[in-house]
Amino acid sequence: MRQVVLESPRELKVVDAFDPAPGIGEVLVEVKTSAICGTDLHIYNGGTPVDYPRVLGHEVAGVVHGVGEGVTEFGLGDAVAINPNLICGDCERCILGKENLCERGRLLGREVDGTLREFLVVPQVNAFKLPPAETFVAGALIQPLSTVVHA
């Protein structure tokens, strides 16, 4: 698998990496579209500190390429958009349905490696099926739309 890695501010490299495998409750997604936004640019330029090396990206859509044990809502070939906010599910904000404000939340591409790669593993709760006629570009733009709606 290839991925784009930010080695340090303004230093990107395309590198080979091991193919990821889904664990319990996870889905393996073949990335079809990954958009770049202002957050990625701030990280790229060094304005938002991250641990290096870091794979950028968090606006993404793709196809389910594998499922881990216990995954029942997705099958191979399902088109999905990904919520890039990895949440704890236990804090008060998560319980109140404000997962975007999770006290222990991590964002793909910032606290953990992101979506500028060929394959991505995420918890099944972060994947959402796209309607059959929807494009991968539109699927990747669901995340920025949700930012606008909830701002």
C-alpha atoms as a PDB file:
ATOM      1  CA  MET A   1       0.000   0.000   0.000  1.00  0.00           C
ATOM      2  CA  ARG A   2       1.186   3.520  -0.740  1.00  0.00           C
ATOM      3  CA  GLN A   3       0.549   6.530   1.472  1.00  0.00           C
ATOM      4  CA  VAL A   4       1.512  10.189   1.554  1.00  0.00           C
ATOM      5  CA  VAL A   5       3.496  10.962   4.708  1.00  0.00           C
ATOM      6  CA  LEU A   6       4.301  14.378   6.136  1.00  0.00           C
ATOM      7  CA  GLU A   7       7.834  13.874   7.494  1.00  0.00           C
ATOM      8  CA  SER A   8       8.076  17.427   8.882  1.00  0.00           C
ATOM      9  CA  PRO A   9       6.458  20.755   7.945  1.00  0.00           C
ATOM     10  CA  ARG A  10       6.346  21.094   4.144  1.00  0.00           C
ATOM     11  CA  GLU A  11       8.086  17.746   3.541  1.00  0.00           C
ATOM     12  CA  LEU A  12       5.811  15.136   1.952  1.00  0.00           C
ATOM     13  CA  LYS A  13       6.860  11.704   0.725  1.00  0.00           C
ATOM     14  CA  VAL A  14       5.008   8.863  -0.950  1.00  0.00           C
ATOM     15  CA  VAL A  15       6.033   5.693   0.877  1.00  0.00           C
ATOM     16  CA  ASP A  16       5.153   2.024   0.863  1.00  0.00           C
ATOM     17  CA  ALA A  17       3.491   0.668   3.994  1.00  0.00           C
ATOM     18  CA  PHE A  18       2.048  -2.627   5.158  1.00  0.00           C
ATOM     19  CA  ASP A  19      -1.513  -3.336   4.076  1.00  0.00           C
ATOM     20  CA  PRO A  20      -3.737  -2.789   7.121  1.00  0.00           C
ATOM     21  CA  ALA A  21      -6.150  -5.464   8.332  1.00  0.00           C
ATOM     22  CA  PRO A  22      -9.430  -4.784  10.125  1.00  0.00           C
ATOM     23  CA  GLY A  23      -9.727  -5.839  13.738  1.00  0.00           C
ATOM     24  CA  ILE A  24     -12.831  -6.616  15.755  1.00  0.00           C
ATOM     25  CA  GLY A  25     -15.599  -4.166  14.855  1.00  0.00           C
ATOM     26  CA  GLU A  26     -13.541  -2.479  12.130  1.00  0.00           C
ATOM     27  CA  VAL A  27     -13.844  -2.053   8.375  1.00  0.00           C
ATOM     28  CA  LEU A  28     -11.062  -1.878   5.808  1.00  0.00           C
ATOM     29  CA  VAL A  29     -11.822   0.828   3.240  1.00  0.00           C
ATOM     30  CA  GLU A  30     -10.176   1.228  -0.148  1.00  0.00           C
ATOM     31  CA  VAL A  31      -9.873   5.012  -0.445  1.00  0.00           C
ATOM     32  CA  LYS A  32     -11.426   6.339  -3.656  1.00  0.00           C
ATOM     33  CA  THR A  33     -11.495  10.069  -2.826  1.00  0.00           C
ATOM     34  CA  SER A  34      -9.676  12.022  -0.125  1.00  0.00           C
ATOM     35  CA  ALA A  35     -10.098  15.781  -0.130  1.00  0.00           C
ATOM     36  CA  ILE A  36      -7.654  18.332   1.277  1.00  0.00           C
ATOM     37  CA  CYS A  37      -8.894  21.144   3.512  1.00  0.00           C
ATOM     38  CA  GLY A  38      -7.604  24.017   5.605  1.00  0.00           C
ATOM     39  CA  THR A  39      -6.784  21.749   8.546  1.00  0.00           C
ATOM     40  CA  ASP A  40      -4.468  19.717   6.308  1.00  0.00           C
ATOM     41  CA  LEU A  41      -2.815  22.906   5.042  1.00  0.00           C
ATOM     42  CA  HIS A  42      -2.246  24.189   8.593  1.00  0.00           C
ATOM     43  CA  ILE A  43      -0.641  20.873   9.545  1.00  0.00           C
ATOM     44  CA  TYR A  44       1.407  20.797   6.325  1.00  0.00           C
ATOM     45  CA  ASN A  45       2.749  24.304   6.971  1.00  0.00           C
ATOM     46  CA  GLY A  46       3.548  23.543  10.634  1.00  0.00           C
ATOM     47  CA  GLY A  47       0.848  25.828  12.058  1.00  0.00           C
ATOM     48  CA  THR A  48      -0.930  22.945  13.787  1.00  0.00           C
ATOM     49  CA  PRO A  49       1.529  20.726  15.649  1.00  0.00           C
ATOM     50  CA  VAL A  50       1.354  16.954  15.110  1.00  0.00           C
ATOM     51  CA  ASP A  51       3.583  14.012  15.847  1.00  0.00           C
ATOM     52  CA  TYR A  52       5.706  13.285  12.776  1.00  0.00           C
ATOM     53  CA  PRO A  53       5.628  11.383  10.559  1.00  0.00           C
ATOM     54  CA  ARG A  54       1.892  11.815   9.925  1.00  0.00           C
ATOM     55  CA  VAL A  55      -0.432  10.773   7.107  1.00  0.00           C
ATOM     56  CA  LEU A  56      -2.731  13.736   6.458  1.00  0.00           C
ATOM     57  CA  GLY A  57      -6.374  13.766   5.385  1.00  0.00           C
ATOM     58  CA  HIS A  58      -9.775  13.285   6.957  1.00  0.00           C
ATOM     59  CA  GLU A  59     -12.391  13.964   4.241  1.00  0.00           C
ATOM     60  CA  VAL A  60     -12.807  10.578   2.587  1.00  0.00           C
ATOM     61  CA  ALA A  61     -15.026   8.105   0.783  1.00  0.00           C
ATOM     62  CA  GLY A  62     -14.298   4.656  -0.541  1.00  0.00           C
ATOM     63  CA  VAL A  63     -15.306   1.022  -0.843  1.00  0.00           C
ATOM     64  CA  VAL A  64     -15.381  -1.604   1.908  1.00  0.00           C
ATOM     65  CA  HIS A  65     -12.529  -3.986   1.075  1.00  0.00           C
ATOM     66  CA  GLY A  66     -12.632  -6.091   4.245  1.00  0.00           C
ATOM     67  CA  VAL A  67     -14.505  -6.457   7.525  1.00  0.00           C
ATOM     68  CA  GLY A  68     -13.386  -7.514  10.964  1.00  0.00           C
ATOM     69  CA  GLU A  69     -15.061  -9.918  13.327  1.00  0.00           C
ATOM     70  CA  GLY A  70     -18.426  -8.677  14.556  1.00  0.00           C
ATOM     71  CA  VAL A  71     -19.078  -6.320  11.648  1.00  0.00           C
ATOM     72  CA  THR A  72     -22.644  -6.898  10.480  1.00  0.00           C
ATOM     73  CA  GLU A  73     -23.699  -3.628   8.844  1.00  0.00           C
ATOM     74  CA  PHE A  74     -21.214  -3.657   5.946  1.00  0.00           C
ATOM     75  CA  GLY A  75     -20.219  -6.026   3.215  1.00  0.00           C
ATOM     76  CA  LEU A  76     -17.496  -6.129   0.612  1.00  0.00           C
ATOM     77  CA  GLY A  77     -18.079  -3.549  -2.093  1.00  0.00           C
ATOM     78  CA  ASP A  78     -20.258  -1.188  -0.042  1.00  0.00           C
ATOM     79  CA  ALA A  79     -19.589   2.457  -0.907  1.00  0.00           C
ATOM     80  CA  VAL A  80     -19.001   4.455   2.285  1.00  0.00           C
ATOM     81  CA  ALA A  81     -18.187   7.889   3.616  1.00  0.00           C
ATOM     82  CA  ILE A  82     -16.134   8.084   6.806  1.00  0.00           C
ATOM     83  CA  ASN A  83     -16.664  10.206   9.902  1.00  0.00           C
ATOM     84  CA  PRO A  84     -13.044  11.137  10.736  1.00  0.00           C
ATOM     85  CA  ASN A  85     -13.730  11.789  14.431  1.00  0.00           C
ATOM     86  CA  LEU A  86     -12.617   8.761  16.434  1.00  0.00           C
ATOM     87  CA  ILE A  87     -14.583   9.002  19.666  1.00  0.00           C
ATOM     88  CA  CYS A  88     -14.484   7.353  23.085  1.00  0.00           C
ATOM     89  CA  GLY A  89     -18.264   6.834  23.301  1.00  0.00           C
ATOM     90  CA  ASP A  90     -18.134   7.100  27.097  1.00  0.00           C
ATOM     91  CA  CYS A  91     -17.665  10.763  27.989  1.00  0.00           C
ATOM     92  CA  GLU A  92     -20.578  13.080  28.791  1.00  0.00           C
ATOM     93  CA  ARG A  93     -20.435  14.744  25.369  1.00  0.00           C
ATOM     94  CA  CYS A  94     -20.567  11.417  23.538  1.00  0.00           C
ATOM     95  CA  ILE A  95     -23.470  10.246  25.687  1.00  0.00           C
ATOM     96  CA  LEU A  96     -25.329  13.499  24.911  1.00  0.00           C
ATOM     97  CA  GLY A  97     -24.876  12.921  21.175  1.00  0.00           C
ATOM     98  CA  LYS A  98     -22.192  15.596  20.768  1.00  0.00           C
ATOM     99  CA  GLU A  99     -19.533  13.174  19.534  1.00  0.00           C
ATOM    100  CA  ASN A 100     -17.798  15.951  17.588  1.00  0.00           C
ATOM    101  CA  LEU A 101     -16.895  17.429  20.993  1.00  0.00           C
ATOM    102  CA  CYS A 102     -15.656  14.146  22.529  1.00  0.00           C
ATOM    103  CA  GLU A 103     -13.298  14.838  25.423  1.00  0.00           C
ATOM    104  CA  ARG A 104     -10.914  12.109  24.224  1.00  0.00           C
ATOM    105  CA  GLY A 105     -11.639  12.380  20.514  1.00  0.00           C
ATOM    106  CA  ARG A 106      -8.960  11.994  17.872  1.00  0.00           C
ATOM    107  CA  LEU A 107      -9.125  13.241  14.298  1.00  0.00           C
ATOM    108  CA  LEU A 108      -7.841  11.244  11.361  1.00  0.00           C
ATOM    109  CA  GLY A 109      -4.870  13.113   9.924  1.00  0.00           C
ATOM    110  CA  ARG A 110      -4.120  15.015  13.110  1.00  0.00           C
ATOM    111  CA  GLU A 111      -3.831  12.761  16.176  1.00  0.00           C
ATOM    112  CA  VAL A 112      -3.727   9.544  14.153  1.00  0.00           C
ATOM    113  CA  ASP A 113      -2.740   8.800  10.568  1.00  0.00           C
ATOM    114  CA  GLY A 114      -5.289   9.971   8.042  1.00  0.00           C
ATOM    115  CA  THR A 115      -6.711   9.223   4.640  1.00  0.00           C
ATOM    116  CA  LEU A 116      -4.043  10.072   2.042  1.00  0.00           C
ATOM    117  CA  ARG A 117      -3.397   6.368   1.546  1.00  0.00           C
ATOM    118  CA  GLU A 118      -4.734   3.511  -0.508  1.00  0.00           C
ATOM    119  CA  PHE A 119      -6.413   1.657   2.375  1.00  0.00           C
ATOM    120  CA  LEU A 120      -7.761   2.786   5.741  1.00  0.00           C
ATOM    121  CA  VAL A 121      -9.104   0.893   8.772  1.00  0.00           C
ATOM    122  CA  VAL A 122     -11.786   2.557  10.910  1.00  0.00           C
ATOM    123  CA  PRO A 123     -14.345   1.449  13.501  1.00  0.00           C
ATOM    124  CA  GLN A 124     -17.577   0.405  11.797  1.00  0.00           C
ATOM    125  CA  VAL A 125     -19.422   3.161  13.691  1.00  0.00           C
ATOM    126  CA  ASN A 126     -17.394   5.686  11.658  1.00  0.00           C
ATOM    127  CA  ALA A 127     -18.543   4.334   8.282  1.00  0.00           C
ATOM    128  CA  PHE A 128     -21.789   5.342   6.582  1.00  0.00           C
ATOM    129  CA  LYS A 129     -23.189   3.728   3.442  1.00  0.00           C
ATOM    130  CA  LEU A 130     -23.514   6.020   0.454  1.00  0.00           C
ATOM    131  CA  PRO A 131     -26.674   5.904  -1.662  1.00  0.00           C
ATOM    132  CA  PRO A 132     -26.121   3.882  -4.873  1.00  0.00           C
ATOM    133  CA  ALA A 133     -26.168   6.932  -7.164  1.00  0.00           C
ATOM    134  CA  GLU A 134     -23.831   9.029  -4.983  1.00  0.00           C
ATOM    135  CA  THR A 135     -20.286   9.811  -6.100  1.00  0.00           C
ATOM    136  CA  PHE A 136     -17.166   9.307  -4.019  1.00  0.00           C
ATOM    137  CA  VAL A 137     -16.388  13.019  -4.349  1.00  0.00           C
ATOM    138  CA  ALA A 138     -19.765  13.881  -2.812  1.00  0.00           C
ATOM    139  CA  GLY A 139     -19.145  11.279  -0.103  1.00  0.00           C
ATOM    140  CA  ALA A 140     -15.823  12.863   0.813  1.00  0.00           C
ATOM    141  CA  LEU A 141     -17.518  16.261   1.073  1.00  0.00           C
ATOM    142  CA  ILE A 142     -20.060  15.101   3.674  1.00  0.00           C
ATOM    143  CA  GLN A 143     -17.580  15.871   6.479  1.00  0.00           C
ATOM    144  CA  PRO A 144     -17.020  19.539   5.534  1.00  0.00           C
ATOM    145  CA  LEU A 145     -20.776  19.926   5.009  1.00  0.00           C
ATOM    146  CA  SER A 146     -21.355  18.627   8.544  1.00  0.00           C
ATOM    147  CA  THR A 147     -18.853  21.185   9.826  1.00  0.00           C
ATOM    148  CA  VAL A 148     -20.874  23.980   8.242  1.00  0.00           C
ATOM    149  CA  VAL A 149     -24.195  22.604   9.500  1.00  0.00           C
ATOM    150  CA  HIS A 150     -22.943  22.258  13.088  1.00  0.00           C
ATOM    151  CA  ALA A 151     -20.840  25.443  13.255  1.00  0.00           C
END
